[in-house]
C-alpha atoms as a PDB file:
ATOM      1  CA  UNK A   1       0.000   0.000   0.000  1.00  0.00           C
ATOM      2  CA  UNK A   2       1.296   3.430  -0.927  1.00  0.00           C
ATOM      3  CA  UNK A   3       0.527   6.186   1.555  1.00  0.00           C
ATOM      4  CA  UNK A   4      -0.194   9.685   0.276  1.00  0.00           C
ATOM      5  CA  UNK A   5       1.593  12.452   2.142  1.00  0.00           C
ATOM      6  CA  UNK A   6       0.229  15.986   2.013  1.00  0.00           C
ATOM      7  CA  UNK A   7       2.567  18.681   0.700  1.00  0.00           C
ATOM      8  CA  UNK A   8       3.879  20.872   3.554  1.00  0.00           C
ATOM      9  CA  UNK A   9       2.240  24.297   3.709  1.00  0.00           C
ATOM     10  CA  UNK A  10       5.511  26.179   3.098  1.00  0.00           C
ATOM     11  CA  UNK A  11       6.289  24.061   0.026  1.00  0.00           C
ATOM     12  CA  UNK A  12       2.784  24.575  -1.340  1.00  0.00           C
ATOM     13  CA  UNK A  13       3.082  28.347  -0.850  1.00  0.00           C
ATOM     14  CA  UNK A  14       6.450  28.384  -2.598  1.00  0.00           C
ATOM     15  CA  UNK A  15       4.971  26.461  -5.526  1.00  0.00           C
ATOM     16  CA  UNK A  16       1.987  28.826  -5.701  1.00  0.00           C
ATOM     17  CA  UNK A  17       4.227  31.905  -5.592  1.00  0.00           C
ATOM     18  CA  UNK A  18       6.432  30.513  -8.376  1.00  0.00           C
ATOM     19  CA  UNK A  19       3.399  29.870 -10.596  1.00  0.00           C
ATOM     20  CA  UNK A  20       2.075  33.377  -9.895  1.00  0.00           C
ATOM     21  CA  UNK A  21       5.425  35.000 -10.747  1.00  0.00           C
ATOM     22  CA  UNK A  22       5.683  32.931 -13.935  1.00  0.00           C
ATOM     23  CA  UNK A  23       2.230  34.105 -15.044  1.00  0.00           C
ATOM     24  CA  UNK A  24       3.143  37.756 -14.412  1.00  0.00           C
ATOM     25  CA  UNK A  25       6.422  37.445 -16.318  1.00  0.00           C
ATOM     26  CA  UNK A  26       4.705  35.582 -19.151  1.00  0.00           C
ATOM     27  CA  UNK A  27       2.216  38.433 -19.550  1.00  0.00           C
ATOM     28  CA  UNK A  28       5.091  40.931 -19.388  1.00  0.00           C
ATOM     29  CA  UNK A  29       6.630  39.487 -22.562  1.00  0.00           C
ATOM     30  CA  UNK A  30       3.382  39.960 -24.483  1.00  0.00           C
ATOM     31  CA  UNK A  31       2.665  43.431 -23.066  1.00  0.00           C
ATOM     32  CA  UNK A  32       6.198  44.624 -23.812  1.00  0.00           C
ATOM     33  CA  UNK A  33       6.029  43.628 -27.470  1.00  0.00           C
ATOM     34  CA  UNK A  34       2.563  45.134 -27.898  1.00  0.00           C
ATOM     35  CA  UNK A  35       3.928  48.409 -26.508  1.00  0.00           C
ATOM     36  CA  UNK A  36       6.824  48.695 -28.949  1.00  0.00           C
ATOM     37  CA  UNK A  37       9.590  46.882 -27.092  1.00  0.00           C
ATOM     38  CA  UNK A  38      11.681  44.061 -28.563  1.00  0.00           C
ATOM     39  CA  UNK A  39      12.606  40.608 -27.337  1.00  0.00           C
ATOM     40  CA  UNK A  40      16.126  39.233 -27.746  1.00  0.00           C
ATOM     41  CA  UNK A  41      17.241  35.647 -27.198  1.00  0.00           C
ATOM     42  CA  UNK A  42      20.996  35.127 -27.107  1.00  0.00           C
ATOM     43  CA  UNK A  43      23.499  32.483 -26.051  1.00  0.00           C
ATOM     44  CA  UNK A  44      26.175  31.845 -23.456  1.00  0.00           C
ATOM     45  CA  UNK A  45      27.872  28.647 -22.288  1.00  0.00           C
ATOM     46  CA  UNK A  46      25.993  25.951 -20.388  1.00  0.00           C
ATOM     47  CA  UNK A  47      27.991  25.419 -17.187  1.00  0.00           C
ATOM     48  CA  UNK A  48      26.291  22.083 -16.458  1.00  0.00           C
ATOM     49  CA  UNK A  49      27.574  20.781 -19.791  1.00  0.00           C
ATOM     50  CA  UNK A  50      31.163  21.983 -19.305  1.00  0.00           C
ATOM     51  CA  UNK A  51      31.232  20.863 -15.652  1.00  0.00           C
ATOM     52  CA  UNK A  52      28.917  17.818 -15.746  1.00  0.00           C
ATOM     53  CA  UNK A  53      29.135  16.779 -12.091  1.00  0.00           C
ATOM     54  CA  UNK A  54      29.904  18.105  -8.623  1.00  0.00           C
ATOM     55  CA  UNK A  55      33.487  16.828  -8.687  1.00  0.00           C
ATOM     56  CA  UNK A  56      34.244  18.672 -11.935  1.00  0.00           C
ATOM     57  CA  UNK A  57      32.752  21.855 -10.518  1.00  0.00           C
ATOM     58  CA  UNK A  58      34.648  21.676  -7.217  1.00  0.00           C
ATOM     59  CA  UNK A  59      37.930  20.748  -8.922  1.00  0.00           C
ATOM     60  CA  UNK A  60      37.720  23.964 -10.980  1.00  0.00           C
ATOM     61  CA  UNK A  61      36.035  26.283  -8.500  1.00  0.00           C
ATOM     62  CA  UNK A  62      39.009  27.298  -6.318  1.00  0.00           C
ATOM     63  CA  UNK A  63      36.661  26.534  -3.429  1.00  0.00           C
ATOM     64  CA  UNK A  64      39.305  24.399  -1.735  1.00  0.00           C
ATOM     65  CA  UNK A  65      43.067  24.817  -1.738  1.00  0.00           C
ATOM     66  CA  UNK A  66      43.137  21.397  -3.409  1.00  0.00           C
ATOM     67  CA  UNK A  67      40.946  22.603  -6.314  1.00  0.00           C
ATOM     68  CA  UNK A  68      42.941  22.319  -9.522  1.00  0.00           C
ATOM     69  CA  UNK A  69      41.802  25.600 -11.133  1.00  0.00           C
ATOM     70  CA  UNK A  70      39.332  28.456 -10.751  1.00  0.00           C
ATOM     71  CA  UNK A  71      37.924  28.308 -14.287  1.00  0.00           C
ATOM     72  CA  UNK A  72      34.409  27.490 -13.055  1.00  0.00           C
ATOM     73  CA  UNK A  73      34.290  30.825 -11.195  1.00  0.00           C
ATOM     74  CA  UNK A  74      35.599  32.654 -14.263  1.00  0.00           C
ATOM     75  CA  UNK A  75      33.071  31.002 -16.581  1.00  0.00           C
ATOM     76  CA  UNK A  76      30.181  31.581 -14.161  1.00  0.00           C
ATOM     77  CA  UNK A  77      30.967  35.290 -13.790  1.00  0.00           C
ATOM     78  CA  UNK A  78      31.841  35.963 -17.445  1.00  0.00           C
ATOM     79  CA  UNK A  79      29.386  38.660 -18.562  1.00  0.00           C
ATOM     80  CA  UNK A  80      29.088  40.546 -21.859  1.00  0.00           C
ATOM     81  CA  UNK A  81      27.477  43.984 -22.068  1.00  0.00           C
ATOM     82  CA  UNK A  82      25.361  45.244 -24.988  1.00  0.00           C
ATOM     83  CA  UNK A  83      24.496  48.957 -25.022  1.00  0.00           C
ATOM     84  CA  UNK A  84      21.688  50.483 -27.070  1.00  0.00           C
ATOM     85  CA  UNK A  85      21.160  53.862 -28.703  1.00  0.00           C
ATOM     86  CA  UNK A  86      18.533  55.002 -26.227  1.00  0.00           C
ATOM     87  CA  UNK A  87      19.824  56.456 -22.940  1.00  0.00           C
ATOM     88  CA  UNK A  88      20.041  53.788 -20.266  1.00  0.00           C
ATOM     89  CA  UNK A  89      19.291  50.917 -22.653  1.00  0.00           C
ATOM     90  CA  UNK A  90      21.610  47.937 -22.192  1.00  0.00           C
ATOM     91  CA  UNK A  91      21.523  44.271 -21.253  1.00  0.00           C
ATOM     92  CA  UNK A  92      24.042  41.884 -19.731  1.00  0.00           C
ATOM     93  CA  UNK A  93      24.585  38.285 -20.829  1.00  0.00           C
ATOM     94  CA  UNK A  94      26.118  35.570 -18.677  1.00  0.00           C
ATOM     95  CA  UNK A  95      25.370  32.800 -16.212  1.00  0.00           C
ATOM     96  CA  UNK A  96      25.140  35.379 -13.432  1.00  0.00           C
ATOM     97  CA  UNK A  97      22.651  37.515 -15.396  1.00  0.00           C
ATOM     98  CA  UNK A  98      19.337  36.003 -14.324  1.00  0.00           C
ATOM     99  CA  UNK A  99      16.637  38.507 -13.346  1.00  0.00           C
ATOM    100  CA  UNK A 100      16.748  39.550  -9.699  1.00  0.00           C
ATOM    101  CA  UNK A 101      16.116  42.589  -7.539  1.00  0.00           C
ATOM    102  CA  UNK A 102      14.242  44.395 -10.311  1.00  0.00           C
ATOM    103  CA  UNK A 103      17.297  44.741 -12.594  1.00  0.00           C
ATOM    104  CA  UNK A 104      15.746  45.033 -16.052  1.00  0.00           C
ATOM    105  CA  UNK A 105      19.025  44.498 -17.923  1.00  0.00           C
ATOM    106  CA  UNK A 106      18.919  40.835 -16.910  1.00  0.00           C
ATOM    107  CA  UNK A 107      17.366  37.715 -18.411  1.00  0.00           C
ATOM    108  CA  UNK A 108      13.717  36.943 -17.612  1.00  0.00           C
ATOM    109  CA  UNK A 109      13.860  33.325 -18.784  1.00  0.00           C
ATOM    110  CA  UNK A 110      16.528  30.806 -19.778  1.00  0.00           C
ATOM    111  CA  UNK A 111      16.888  27.243 -21.029  1.00  0.00           C
ATOM    112  CA  UNK A 112      19.676  24.959 -22.217  1.00  0.00           C
ATOM    113  CA  UNK A 113      20.510  22.861 -25.246  1.00  0.00           C
ATOM    114  CA  UNK A 114      23.652  20.756 -24.992  1.00  0.00           C
ATOM    115  CA  UNK A 115      26.593  23.139 -24.465  1.00  0.00           C
ATOM    116  CA  UNK A 116      24.548  26.314 -24.916  1.00  0.00           C
ATOM    117  CA  UNK A 117      22.418  28.257 -22.466  1.00  0.00           C
ATOM    118  CA  UNK A 118      19.853  30.592 -24.049  1.00  0.00           C
ATOM    119  CA  UNK A 119      18.758  33.743 -22.227  1.00  0.00           C
ATOM    120  CA  UNK A 120      15.662  35.843 -23.002  1.00  0.00           C
ATOM    121  CA  UNK A 121      15.588  39.648 -22.670  1.00  0.00           C
ATOM    122  CA  UNK A 122      13.116  42.491 -23.109  1.00  0.00           C
ATOM    123  CA  UNK A 123      14.926  45.479 -24.631  1.00  0.00           C
ATOM    124  CA  UNK A 124      14.155  48.894 -26.062  1.00  0.00           C
ATOM    125  CA  UNK A 125      14.307  48.911 -29.879  1.00  0.00           C
ATOM    126  CA  UNK A 126      17.415  50.259 -31.571  1.00  0.00           C
ATOM    127  CA  UNK A 127      20.963  49.320 -32.484  1.00  0.00           C
ATOM    128  CA  UNK A 128      22.994  47.556 -29.809  1.00  0.00           C
ATOM    129  CA  UNK A 129      26.779  47.452 -29.688  1.00  0.00           C
ATOM    130  CA  UNK A 130      28.941  45.147 -27.620  1.00  0.00           C
ATOM    131  CA  UNK A 131      30.906  47.464 -25.335  1.00  0.00           C
ATOM    132  CA  UNK A 132      32.822  45.111 -23.099  1.00  0.00           C
ATOM    133  CA  UNK A 133      32.878  42.082 -20.868  1.00  0.00           C
ATOM    134  CA  UNK A 134      33.944  41.094 -17.380  1.00  0.00           C
ATOM    135  CA  UNK A 135      34.824  38.072 -15.278  1.00  0.00           C
ATOM    136  CA  UNK A 136      36.406  37.119 -11.967  1.00  0.00           C
ATOM    137  CA  UNK A 137      39.835  35.537 -11.602  1.00  0.00           C
ATOM    138  CA  UNK A 138      40.642  33.800  -8.322  1.00  0.00           C
ATOM    139  CA  UNK A 139      44.298  33.046  -7.482  1.00  0.00           C
ATOM    140  CA  UNK A 140      45.455  36.017  -9.556  1.00  0.00           C
ATOM    141  CA  UNK A 141      47.131  39.343  -8.816  1.00  0.00           C
ATOM    142  CA  UNK A 142      46.784  42.621 -10.685  1.00  0.00           C
ATOM    143  CA  UNK A 143      49.561  43.212 -13.232  1.00  0.00           C
ATOM    144  CA  UNK A 144      52.597  45.283 -12.378  1.00  0.00           C
ATOM    145  CA  UNK A 145      52.430  48.932 -13.377  1.00  0.00           C
ATOM    146  CA  UNK A 146      54.780  50.738 -15.734  1.00  0.00           C
ATOM    147  CA  UNK A 147      52.960  53.907 -16.776  1.00  0.00           C
ATOM    148  CA  UNK A 148      53.387  57.265 -15.086  1.00  0.00           C
ATOM    149  CA  UNK A 149      50.312  58.658 -13.362  1.00  0.00           C
ATOM    150  CA  UNK A 150      47.852  60.009 -15.890  1.00  0.00           C
ATOM    151  CA  UNK A 151      49.668  58.543 -18.898  1.00  0.00           C
ATOM    152  CA  UNK A 152      48.445  54.933 -19.086  1.00  0.00           C
ATOM    153  CA  UNK A 153      45.374  52.798 -18.757  1.00  0.00           C
ATOM    154  CA  UNK A 154      43.666  53.294 -22.130  1.00  0.00           C
ATOM    155  CA  UNK A 155      44.248  52.936 -25.869  1.00  0.00           C
ATOM    156  CA  UNK A 156      42.301  53.509 -29.071  1.00  0.00           C
ATOM    157  CA  UNK A 157      40.556  50.171 -28.637  1.00  0.00           C
ATOM    158  CA  UNK A 158      39.879  50.521 -24.918  1.00  0.00           C
ATOM    159  CA  UNK A 159      41.106  49.521 -21.487  1.00  0.00           C
ATOM    160  CA  UNK A 160      40.984  46.645 -19.049  1.00  0.00           C
ATOM    161  CA  UNK A 161      40.738  47.188 -15.306  1.00  0.00           C
ATOM    162  CA  UNK A 162      41.818  44.803 -12.562  1.00  0.00           C
ATOM    163  CA  UNK A 163      40.149  45.381  -9.201  1.00  0.00           C
ATOM    164  CA  UNK A 164      41.924  43.529  -6.432  1.00  0.00           C
ATOM    165  CA  UNK A 165      39.812  41.484  -4.048  1.00  0.00           C
ATOM    166  CA  UNK A 166      40.104  38.536  -1.679  1.00  0.00           C
ATOM    167  CA  UNK A 167      38.568  35.090  -2.032  1.00  0.00           C
ATOM    168  CA  UNK A 168      38.071  32.475   0.651  1.00  0.00           C
ATOM    169  CA  UNK A 169      39.357  28.988  -0.020  1.00  0.00           C
ATOM    170  CA  UNK A 170      39.175  26.093   2.393  1.00  0.00           C
ATOM    171  CA  UNK A 171      41.997  23.768   3.302  1.00  0.00           C
ATOM    172  CA  UNK A 172      41.051  20.250   4.323  1.00  0.00           C
ATOM    173  CA  UNK A 173      43.299  18.305   6.669  1.00  0.00           C
ATOM    174  CA  UNK A 174      43.436  15.984   9.655  1.00  0.00           C
ATOM    175  CA  UNK A 175      44.452  16.410  13.265  1.00  0.00           C
ATOM    176  CA  UNK A 176      44.844  14.043  16.202  1.00  0.00           C
ATOM    177  CA  UNK A 177      42.339  14.490  18.984  1.00  0.00           C
ATOM    178  CA  UNK A 178      42.478  12.753  22.343  1.00  0.00           C
ATOM    179  CA  UNK A 179      39.464  10.983  23.705  1.00  0.00           C
ATOM    180  CA  UNK A 180      36.927  13.308  25.266  1.00  0.00           C
ATOM    181  CA  UNK A 181      34.723  12.583  28.237  1.00  0.00           C
ATOM    182  CA  UNK A 182      31.623  14.156  29.690  1.00  0.00           C
ATOM    183  CA  UNK A 183      30.285  13.898  33.228  1.00  0.00           C
ATOM    184  CA  UNK A 184      26.554  14.057  33.772  1.00  0.00           C
ATOM    185  CA  UNK A 185      24.642  14.310  37.041  1.00  0.00           C
ATOM    186  CA  UNK A 186      22.222  11.389  37.165  1.00  0.00           C
ATOM    187  CA  UNK A 187      19.417  11.500  39.716  1.00  0.00           C
ATOM    188  CA  UNK A 188      17.956   8.323  41.219  1.00  0.00           C
ATOM    189  CA  UNK A 189      15.051   7.731  43.591  1.00  0.00           C
ATOM    190  CA  UNK A 190      15.074   5.435  46.627  1.00  0.00           C
ATOM    191  CA  UNK A 191      12.473   4.462  49.169  1.00  0.00           C
ATOM    192  CA  UNK A 192      12.795   5.999  52.643  1.00  0.00           C
ATOM    193  CA  UNK A 193       9.600   4.672  54.264  1.00  0.00           C
ATOM    194  CA  UNK A 194       7.397   1.643  53.759  1.00  0.00           C
ATOM    195  CA  UNK A 195       4.141   0.498  55.347  1.00  0.00           C
ATOM    196  CA  UNK A 196       4.919  -1.959  58.094  1.00  0.00           C
ATOM    197  CA  UNK A 197       4.472  -5.526  57.047  1.00  0.00           C
ATOM    198  CA  UNK A 198       4.405  -4.648  53.319  1.00  0.00           C
ATOM    199  CA  UNK A 199       6.625  -3.655  50.442  1.00  0.00           C
ATOM    200  CA  UNK A 200       4.558  -0.554  49.642  1.00  0.00           C
ATOM    201  CA  UNK A 201       6.747   2.573  49.635  1.00  0.00           C
ATOM    202  CA  UNK A 202       5.093   5.703  50.988  1.00  0.00           C
ATOM    203  CA  UNK A 203       8.044   8.093  50.961  1.00  0.00           C
ATOM    204  CA  UNK A 204      10.853   8.577  48.479  1.00  0.00           C
ATOM    205  CA  UNK A 205      14.233  10.217  48.600  1.00  0.00           C
ATOM    206  CA  UNK A 206      16.558  11.359  45.819  1.00  0.00           C
ATOM    207  CA  UNK A 207      20.303  11.050  45.427  1.00  0.00           C
ATOM    208  CA  UNK A 208      22.643  12.218  42.646  1.00  0.00           C
ATOM    209  CA  UNK A 209      25.536  10.304  41.075  1.00  0.00           C
ATOM    210  CA  UNK A 210      28.179  11.790  38.745  1.00  0.00           C
ATOM    211  CA  UNK A 211      28.435   9.427  35.758  1.00  0.00           C
ATOM    212  CA  UNK A 212      31.340   9.824  33.315  1.00  0.00           C
ATOM    213  CA  UNK A 213      31.075   8.572  29.724  1.00  0.00           C
ATOM    214  CA  UNK A 214      33.159   8.912  26.571  1.00  0.00           C
ATOM    215  CA  UNK A 215      31.813  11.512  24.133  1.00  0.00           C
ATOM    216  CA  UNK A 216      34.568  11.190  21.533  1.00  0.00           C
ATOM    217  CA  UNK A 217      37.010   8.419  20.762  1.00  0.00           C
ATOM    218  CA  UNK A 218      40.680   9.206  20.301  1.00  0.00           C
ATOM    219  CA  UNK A 219      41.784   9.384  16.663  1.00  0.00           C
ATOM    220  CA  UNK A 220      42.349  11.534  13.580  1.00  0.00           C
ATOM    221  CA  UNK A 221      39.532  13.909  12.640  1.00  0.00           C
ATOM    222  CA  UNK A 222      38.960  15.948   9.473  1.00  0.00           C
ATOM    223  CA  UNK A 223      39.504  19.699   9.737  1.00  0.00           C
ATOM    224  CA  UNK A 224      38.591  22.631   7.490  1.00  0.00           C
ATOM    225  CA  UNK A 225      40.503  25.904   7.677  1.00  0.00           C
ATOM    226  CA  UNK A 226      39.638  29.102   5.802  1.00  0.00           C
ATOM    227  CA  UNK A 227      42.466  30.618   3.751  1.00  0.00           C
ATOM    228  CA  UNK A 228      42.316  34.116   2.219  1.00  0.00           C
ATOM    229  CA  UNK A 229      43.581  34.143  -1.379  1.00  0.00           C
ATOM    230  CA  UNK A 230      44.195  37.090  -3.709  1.00  0.00           C
ATOM    231  CA  UNK A 231      42.065  37.532  -6.818  1.00  0.00           C
ATOM    232  CA  UNK A 232      40.923  40.173  -9.304  1.00  0.00           C
ATOM    233  CA  UNK A 233      37.705  41.264 -10.979  1.00  0.00           C
ATOM    234  CA  UNK A 234      38.489  41.976 -14.635  1.00  0.00           C
ATOM    235  CA  UNK A 235      36.433  44.522 -16.607  1.00  0.00           C
ATOM    236  CA  UNK A 236      37.169  45.391 -20.241  1.00  0.00           C
ATOM    237  CA  UNK A 237      35.651  48.509 -21.800  1.00  0.00           C
ATOM    238  CA  UNK A 238      35.916  48.731 -25.577  1.00  0.00           C
ATOM    239  CA  UNK A 239      36.328  52.032 -27.395  1.00  0.00           C
ATOM    240  CA  UNK A 240      36.229  50.454 -30.849  1.00  0.00           C
ATOM    241  CA  UNK A 241      33.359  48.568 -32.544  1.00  0.00           C
ATOM    242  CA  UNK A 242      33.326  44.812 -32.007  1.00  0.00           C
ATOM    243  CA  UNK A 243      29.814  43.622 -32.914  1.00  0.00           C
ATOM    244  CA  UNK A 244      26.321  45.074 -33.272  1.00  0.00           C
ATOM    245  CA  UNK A 245      22.726  44.267 -34.223  1.00  0.00           C
ATOM    246  CA  UNK A 246      19.464  46.181 -34.642  1.00  0.00           C
ATOM    247  CA  UNK A 247      16.150  45.308 -33.002  1.00  0.00           C
ATOM    248  CA  UNK A 248      12.931  46.863 -34.298  1.00  0.00           C
ATOM    249  CA  UNK A 249       9.739  47.419 -32.271  1.00  0.00           C
ATOM    250  CA  UNK A 250       7.792  44.204 -31.728  1.00  0.00           C
ATOM    251  CA  UNK A 251      10.510  41.908 -33.084  1.00  0.00           C
ATOM    252  CA  UNK A 252      11.492  38.621 -31.448  1.00  0.00           C
ATOM    253  CA  UNK A 253      15.152  38.073 -32.313  1.00  0.00           C
ATOM    254  CA  UNK A 254      17.705  35.315 -31.921  1.00  0.00           C
ATOM    255  CA  UNK A 255      21.355  36.410 -32.005  1.00  0.00           C
ATOM    256  CA  UNK A 256      24.664  34.643 -31.483  1.00  0.00           C
ATOM    257  CA  UNK A 257      26.409  35.086 -28.152  1.00  0.00           C
ATOM    258  CA  UNK A 258      29.875  36.544 -27.525  1.00  0.00           C
ATOM    259  CA  UNK A 259      31.631  35.050 -24.519  1.00  0.00           C
ATOM    260  CA  UNK A 260      34.785  36.234 -22.734  1.00  0.00           C
ATOM    261  CA  UNK A 261      37.131  33.398 -21.860  1.00  0.00           C
ATOM    262  CA  UNK A 262      40.292  34.222 -19.914  1.00  0.00           C
ATOM    263  CA  UNK A 263      42.642  35.630 -21.108  1.00  0.00           C
ATOM    264  CA  UNK A 264      40.424  37.784 -23.327  1.00  0.00           C
ATOM    265  CA  UNK A 265      42.533  40.948 -22.971  1.00  0.00           C
ATOM    266  CA  UNK A 266      45.986  41.624 -24.406  1.00  0.00           C
ATOM    267  CA  UNK A 267      48.139  44.436 -22.964  1.00  0.00           C
ATOM    268  CA  UNK A 268      51.666  45.316 -21.880  1.00  0.00           C
ATOM    269  CA  UNK A 269      52.574  46.085 -18.270  1.00  0.00           C
ATOM    270  CA  UNK A 270      54.247  49.342 -19.307  1.00  0.00           C
ATOM    271  CA  UNK A 271      50.758  50.644 -20.183  1.00  0.00           C
ATOM    272  CA  UNK A 272      49.320  49.770 -16.759  1.00  0.00           C
ATOM    273  CA  UNK A 273      48.617  52.436 -14.146  1.00  0.00           C
ATOM    274  CA  UNK A 274      47.387  52.093 -10.568  1.00  0.00           C
ATOM    275  CA  UNK A 275      44.470  54.514 -10.374  1.00  0.00           C
ATOM    276  CA  UNK A 276      43.202  53.410  -6.941  1.00  0.00           C
ATOM    277  CA  UNK A 277      44.667  51.559  -4.002  1.00  0.00           C
ATOM    278  CA  UNK A 278      42.896  48.403  -5.201  1.00  0.00           C
ATOM    279  CA  UNK A 279      42.654  48.952  -8.969  1.00  0.00           C
ATOM    280  CA  UNK A 280      45.021  48.846 -11.942  1.00  0.00           C
ATOM    281  CA  UNK A 281      44.007  49.948 -15.451  1.00  0.00           C
ATOM    282  CA  UNK A 282      45.863  48.795 -18.565  1.00  0.00           C
ATOM    283  CA  UNK A 283      45.639  49.925 -22.190  1.00  0.00           C
ATOM    284  CA  UNK A 284      44.315  47.213 -24.471  1.00  0.00           C
ATOM    285  CA  UNK A 285      46.459  46.075 -27.371  1.00  0.00           C
ATOM    286  CA  UNK A 286      43.917  43.411 -28.286  1.00  0.00           C
ATOM    287  CA  UNK A 287      40.704  41.756 -27.159  1.00  0.00           C
ATOM    288  CA  UNK A 288      39.006  38.529 -28.204  1.00  0.00           C
ATOM    289  CA  UNK A 289      35.646  36.864 -27.598  1.00  0.00           C
ATOM    290  CA  UNK A 290      34.244  33.458 -28.479  1.00  0.00           C
ATOM    291  CA  UNK A 291      31.184  33.417 -30.717  1.00  0.00           C
ATOM    292  CA  UNK A 292      28.501  31.004 -29.504  1.00  0.00           C
ATOM    293  CA  UNK A 293      26.203  30.043 -32.345  1.00  0.00           C
ATOM    294  CA  UNK A 294      22.485  30.362 -31.643  1.00  0.00           C
ATOM    295  CA  UNK A 295      20.372  27.721 -33.416  1.00  0.00           C
ATOM    296  CA  UNK A 296      16.697  28.474 -34.241  1.00  0.00           C
ATOM    297  CA  UNK A 297      15.777  24.793 -33.866  1.00  0.00           C
ATOM    298  CA  UNK A 298      16.856  24.897 -30.225  1.00  0.00           C
ATOM    299  CA  UNK A 299      13.877  27.110 -29.359  1.00  0.00           C
ATOM    300  CA  UNK A 300      11.735  23.975 -29.134  1.00  0.00           C
ATOM    301  CA  UNK A 301      13.785  22.958 -26.083  1.00  0.00           C
ATOM    302  CA  UNK A 302      12.647  26.018 -24.137  1.00  0.00           C
ATOM    303  CA  UNK A 303       9.615  24.003 -22.972  1.00  0.00           C
ATOM    304  CA  UNK A 304       8.174  27.366 -21.964  1.00  0.00           C
ATOM    305  CA  UNK A 305       4.494  26.380 -21.812  1.00  0.00           C
ATOM    306  CA  UNK A 306       5.165  23.455 -19.481  1.00  0.00           C
ATOM    307  CA  UNK A 307       7.134  25.787 -17.223  1.00  0.00           C
ATOM    308  CA  UNK A 308       4.212  28.194 -16.893  1.00  0.00           C
ATOM    309  CA  UNK A 309       5.006  30.535 -19.808  1.00  0.00           C
ATOM    310  CA  UNK A 310       2.442  29.720 -22.551  1.00  0.00           C
ATOM    311  CA  UNK A 311       2.540  33.221 -24.082  1.00  0.00           C
ATOM    312  CA  UNK A 312       6.337  33.123 -24.337  1.00  0.00           C
ATOM    313  CA  UNK A 313       6.047  29.701 -25.961  1.00  0.00           C
ATOM    314  CA  UNK A 314       3.900  31.215 -28.723  1.00  0.00           C
ATOM    315  CA  UNK A 315       6.248  34.180 -29.160  1.00  0.00           C
ATOM    316  CA  UNK A 316       9.249  31.890 -29.621  1.00  0.00           C
ATOM    317  CA  UNK A 317       7.542  30.306 -32.641  1.00  0.00           C
ATOM    318  CA  UNK A 318       7.867  33.706 -34.370  1.00  0.00           C
ATOM    319  CA  UNK A 319      11.561  34.185 -33.624  1.00  0.00           C
ATOM    320  CA  UNK A 320      13.862  35.560 -36.341  1.00  0.00           C
ATOM    321  CA  UNK A 321      17.579  34.830 -36.465  1.00  0.00           C
ATOM    322  CA  UNK A 322      19.443  38.129 -36.807  1.00  0.00           C
ATOM    323  CA  UNK A 323      23.038  37.959 -38.042  1.00  0.00           C
ATOM    324  CA  UNK A 324      25.485  40.032 -36.004  1.00  0.00           C
ATOM    325  CA  UNK A 325      27.380  42.777 -37.790  1.00  0.00           C
ATOM    326  CA  UNK A 326      30.966  41.913 -36.897  1.00  0.00           C
ATOM    327  CA  UNK A 327      33.563  44.686 -36.875  1.00  0.00           C
ATOM    328  CA  UNK A 328      35.996  42.316 -35.156  1.00  0.00           C
ATOM    329  CA  UNK A 329      37.999  39.882 -37.253  1.00  0.00           C
ATOM    330  CA  UNK A 330      37.669  36.113 -37.221  1.00  0.00           C
ATOM    331  CA  UNK A 331      40.679  34.191 -35.965  1.00  0.00           C
ATOM    332  CA  UNK A 332      41.687  31.365 -38.348  1.00  0.00           C
ATOM    333  CA  UNK A 333      42.004  29.055 -35.338  1.00  0.00           C
ATOM    334  CA  UNK A 334      38.904  27.918 -33.475  1.00  0.00           C
ATOM    335  CA  UNK A 335      38.720  27.291 -29.726  1.00  0.00           C
ATOM    336  CA  UNK A 336      36.832  24.184 -28.597  1.00  0.00           C
ATOM    337  CA  UNK A 337      35.163  24.147 -32.015  1.00  0.00           C
ATOM    338  CA  UNK A 338      33.912  27.729 -31.686  1.00  0.00           C
ATOM    339  CA  UNK A 339      34.926  30.771 -33.713  1.00  0.00           C
ATOM    340  CA  UNK A 340      37.056  33.423 -32.003  1.00  0.00           C
ATOM    341  CA  UNK A 341      36.787  37.105 -32.984  1.00  0.00           C
ATOM    342  CA  UNK A 342      39.297  39.790 -32.055  1.00  0.00           C
ATOM    343  CA  UNK A 343      40.234  43.447 -32.336  1.00  0.00           C
ATOM    344  CA  UNK A 344      43.801  44.707 -31.977  1.00  0.00           C
ATOM    345  CA  UNK A 345      45.816  47.901 -32.219  1.00  0.00           C
ATOM    346  CA  UNK A 346      47.215  48.903 -35.588  1.00  0.00           C
ATOM    347  CA  UNK A 347      45.309  46.235 -37.492  1.00  0.00           C
END
């Protein structure tokens, strides 16, 4: 016999709230398009595909001192910025760009297909230009500086800034611990008076014994110690065209993604200047991004209706693939099967 267990009240409320929020967001897509806005679907990397299990994530997360690399952190924080013609119009693309706290530049919906994660945005119509990208680098220090104050930090193609920060890693180990004991006061009752000629107790007394027992056996025990490690937050700002596209009112567009993979920036230390106690700016000599192809057929994998977004599901059937206008040049060599584009000084 299978027993049915009622859903806890807090879980039911959470489920109800999620369905309500999905319905509101679903209506928002339709209302936005009917009021002259545009919808853009673009691509970034699917972290679950690149790091398919917990061990792969931890080994590349710099979470522990034993972690092999910190590439998971870099990939998770890698964010590209598209700026539009209208004042204040921009959107950010990356695995940390899900909608939260009312930030309208972020994705309202996302889904995955193999190695690609698709993200859905509501944007003002107009031409959008890629203006830069950022990511976090654990276990890294800012570059040395070589420029005099006020003379470095930017070039004709832009600059890259390194803001110094601290990350916490954890070191696992073992230490010997002696056996530990605990003493508890144990109360017991005893009879102080009985009815004559019987075993019936009519008065009780209490006494206390101190009883010692072992609470921990002697042996080696695992330990975890926090270790502060240097790192930097890297932000590139481009002053030269890299890529652009145009969205018209009411359009639902699919565009390729542009993803920053470390090291995206090229520079020389002689161009670097410390502009703050915790920040170094360097003049870019080159910058490259990986192009992530967006495939129209992948829109079927959004499964939007089943997730509570029936209106979005209908809108995705009308999506148009919009080719990016690339000012950057294609590198003859591909990286992990994907095309790399770059800009550089004097080229």
